[in-house]
Amino acid sequence: MPWVNGEPPRPEDRYRVIAYPRPATRAERQAGKVLGGAEESPCVFLGPSGCALPFAGRPRMCQSLEPSAAGECEAEWDQRSAALAWLPWQGLVEEALRRSGREGGGGGAA
């Protein structure tokens, strides 16, 4: 659970995992489940020429990517932003994960 406006989360929420939807990685698609640390694997939509999705169809985080001088991309809409935005919807996310058979883990990959 991230800090908000410089305030730490309540002690009972300090280690709470907030799940949010995001595209699966190739490793997750192959394993058939959400994997911790899967960020090291390419997105399932990444092709030889870049993202296979039209810009309007890309997730918000991907739309906000901007290249940096170091050659890496930075996103204004990051994991923290996604977690806070999906916090009120945890019941819905948990139900979607349950229905898909992918219960548990943060950041439900689709």
Protein backbone atom coordinates (compact mmCIF):
# COMPACT_ATOMS: atom_id res chain seq x y z
CA MET A 1 0.00 0.00 0.00
CA PRO A 2 1.68 3.25 -1.08
CA TRP A 3 1.96 6.44 0.92
CA VAL A 4 -0.51 9.19 -0.04
CA ASN A 5 0.30 12.92 0.29
CA GLY A 6 3.36 12.11 2.40
CA GLU A 7 1.31 10.05 4.85
CA PRO A 8 2.09 6.38 5.48
CA PRO A 9 -0.71 3.82 5.24
CA ARG A 10 -2.43 2.67 8.40
CA PRO A 11 -0.46 -0.08 10.19
CA GLU A 12 -3.08 -2.70 9.26
CA ASP A 13 -2.79 -1.72 5.57
CA ARG A 14 1.01 -1.33 5.42
CA TYR A 15 1.62 -4.65 3.64
CA ARG A 16 -1.69 -4.87 1.80
CA VAL A 17 -1.34 -5.90 -1.83
CA ILE A 18 -3.46 -3.91 -4.26
CA ALA A 19 -4.33 -5.84 -7.41
CA TYR A 20 -4.95 -4.03 -10.69
CA PRO A 21 -5.38 -5.16 -14.29
CA ARG A 22 -2.47 -4.98 -16.70
CA PRO A 23 -1.41 -6.89 -19.81
CA ALA A 24 0.24 -10.24 -19.22
CA THR A 25 3.89 -10.76 -19.97
CA ARG A 26 5.02 -13.53 -22.30
CA ALA A 27 6.33 -15.49 -19.29
CA GLU A 28 2.94 -15.21 -17.56
CA ARG A 29 1.05 -16.23 -20.69
CA GLN A 30 3.29 -19.29 -21.02
CA ALA A 31 2.92 -20.18 -17.31
CA GLY A 32 -0.82 -19.50 -17.32
CA LYS A 33 -0.63 -17.43 -14.14
CA VAL A 34 0.47 -14.10 -12.70
CA LEU A 35 4.15 -14.17 -11.77
CA GLY A 36 5.97 -12.01 -9.26
CA GLY A 37 8.83 -10.17 -10.95
CA ALA A 38 7.36 -10.80 -14.40
CA GLU A 39 8.18 -7.22 -15.41
CA GLU A 40 11.47 -8.57 -16.78
CA SER A 41 9.54 -10.47 -19.47
CA PRO A 42 8.19 -8.66 -22.57
CA CYS A 43 4.51 -7.74 -22.77
CA VAL A 44 2.36 -10.12 -24.84
CA PHE A 45 1.49 -7.20 -27.12
CA LEU A 46 5.11 -6.29 -27.90
CA GLY A 47 6.03 -7.29 -31.43
CA PRO A 48 9.13 -6.78 -33.59
CA SER A 49 7.91 -3.30 -34.61
CA GLY A 50 6.74 -2.22 -31.15
CA CYS A 51 3.31 -2.46 -29.58
CA ALA A 52 0.79 -4.42 -31.64
CA LEU A 53 -2.13 -2.43 -30.18
CA PRO A 54 -3.30 0.84 -31.69
CA PHE A 55 -2.45 3.77 -29.43
CA ALA A 56 -6.07 4.28 -28.33
CA GLY A 57 -6.34 0.60 -27.35
CA ARG A 58 -3.21 0.54 -25.18
CA PRO A 59 -3.39 0.52 -21.38
CA ARG A 60 -3.04 3.94 -19.74
CA MET A 61 0.45 3.15 -18.44
CA CYS A 62 1.63 2.30 -21.95
CA GLN A 63 0.08 5.45 -23.43
CA SER A 64 2.02 7.58 -20.94
CA LEU A 65 5.46 6.09 -21.71
CA GLU A 66 8.11 8.65 -22.60
CA PRO A 67 11.71 7.84 -23.54
CA SER A 68 14.37 9.21 -21.20
CA ALA A 69 17.96 10.23 -21.96
CA ALA A 70 19.20 6.97 -20.40
CA GLY A 71 17.40 4.97 -23.09
CA GLU A 72 14.74 3.65 -20.71
CA CYS A 73 11.09 4.67 -20.76
CA GLU A 74 9.36 6.45 -17.92
CA ALA A 75 5.62 6.53 -17.33
CA GLU A 76 3.65 9.24 -15.58
CA TRP A 77 1.01 6.57 -14.89
CA ASP A 78 3.07 4.02 -12.94
CA GLN A 79 2.39 1.04 -10.66
CA ARG A 80 1.72 3.33 -7.69
CA SER A 81 -0.82 5.37 -9.68
CA ALA A 82 -2.54 2.21 -10.93
CA ALA A 83 -2.68 0.73 -7.42
CA LEU A 84 -4.24 3.86 -5.94
CA ALA A 85 -6.74 4.18 -8.80
CA TRP A 86 -7.86 0.55 -8.40
CA LEU A 87 -7.93 0.58 -4.58
CA PRO A 88 -11.70 1.30 -4.38
CA TRP A 89 -12.36 -1.52 -6.86
CA GLN A 90 -10.57 -4.39 -5.09
CA GLY A 91 -13.79 -6.41 -4.73
CA LEU A 92 -14.34 -6.24 -8.50
CA VAL A 93 -10.70 -7.13 -9.24
CA GLU A 94 -10.80 -10.07 -6.80
CA GLU A 95 -14.00 -11.35 -8.42
CA ALA A 96 -12.44 -11.09 -11.89
CA LEU A 97 -9.34 -12.96 -10.69
CA ARG A 98 -11.52 -15.61 -9.06
CA ARG A 99 -13.56 -16.11 -12.23
CA SER A 100 -10.44 -16.33 -14.37
CA GLY A 101 -8.82 -18.83 -12.00
CA ARG A 102 -5.93 -16.41 -11.28
CA GLU A 103 -6.57 -15.62 -7.64
CA GLY A 104 -3.87 -13.92 -5.61
CA GLY A 105 -0.95 -11.73 -6.54
CA GLY A 106 -0.86 -8.04 -7.24
CA GLY A 107 -1.47 -6.67 -10.69
CA GLY A 108 -3.75 -9.19 -12.35
CA ALA A 109 -2.40 -9.99 -15.78
CA ALA A 110 -4.90 -10.51 -18.57
